[in-house]
Amino acid sequence: MAQLIQRTAQSIDDMWHSIWHDSSRAEKVLIAIVLLVTGLAIPVVPIVWIARIIAN
């Protein structure tokens, strides 16, 4: 079970890196605005932070 959680966290971390770190500044602003407008920033950001902690 612990390996499943770590693999899932690693996948979330990899996805976050591919979306966020490979994006231009304009794309980052657009992503942030969409998350804030839709209200997804509230659940998404903590999930990504927790996944990064578990993955590392």
Protein backbone atom coordinates (compact mmCIF):
# COMPACT_ATOMS: atom_id res chain seq x y z
CA MET A 1 0.00 0.00 0.00
CA ALA A 2 2.83 2.38 0.83
CA GLN A 3 4.40 1.79 -2.59
CA LEU A 4 1.09 2.57 -4.29
CA ILE A 5 0.82 5.85 -2.41
CA GLN A 6 4.41 6.76 -3.26
CA ARG A 7 3.97 5.88 -6.95
CA THR A 8 0.79 7.94 -7.08
CA ALA A 9 2.54 10.86 -5.39
CA GLN A 10 5.47 10.54 -7.81
CA SER A 11 3.06 10.57 -10.76
CA ILE A 12 1.36 13.71 -9.48
CA ASP A 13 4.75 15.34 -8.94
CA ASP A 14 5.90 14.39 -12.46
CA MET A 15 2.67 15.70 -13.96
CA TRP A 16 3.04 18.96 -12.04
CA HIS A 17 6.62 19.37 -13.30
CA SER A 18 5.63 18.67 -16.90
CA ILE A 19 2.78 21.17 -16.76
CA TRP A 20 4.28 23.91 -14.61
CA HIS A 21 8.03 23.90 -15.27
CA ASP A 22 7.79 23.45 -19.04
CA SER A 23 5.31 26.30 -19.43
CA SER A 24 5.97 29.89 -20.41
CA ARG A 25 5.10 32.73 -18.05
CA ALA A 26 1.88 33.45 -19.97
CA GLU A 27 0.81 29.81 -19.73
CA LYS A 28 1.52 29.79 -15.98
CA VAL A 29 -0.61 32.90 -15.50
CA LEU A 30 -3.41 31.35 -17.55
CA ILE A 31 -3.26 28.11 -15.54
CA ALA A 32 -3.30 30.05 -12.26
CA ILE A 33 -6.27 32.17 -13.38
CA VAL A 34 -8.24 29.10 -14.50
CA LEU A 35 -7.56 27.35 -11.19
CA LEU A 36 -8.60 30.41 -9.19
CA VAL A 37 -11.73 31.13 -11.25
CA THR A 38 -12.95 27.55 -11.12
CA GLY A 39 -12.11 27.24 -7.43
CA LEU A 40 -9.82 24.30 -8.08
CA ALA A 41 -6.81 26.03 -6.54
CA ILE A 42 -8.15 25.29 -3.08
CA PRO A 43 -8.04 21.47 -3.41
CA VAL A 44 -5.35 21.13 -6.11
CA VAL A 45 -2.47 23.11 -4.59
CA PRO A 46 -2.40 21.28 -1.21
CA ILE A 47 -2.68 17.92 -2.99
CA VAL A 48 0.32 18.77 -5.16
CA TRP A 49 2.34 19.96 -2.14
CA ILE A 50 1.55 16.79 -0.19
CA ALA A 51 2.37 14.63 -3.22
CA ARG A 52 5.73 16.37 -3.64
CA ILE A 53 6.56 15.74 0.01
CA ILE A 54 5.62 12.07 -0.25
CA ALA A 55 7.43 11.64 -3.58
CA ASN A 56 10.64 13.05 -2.18
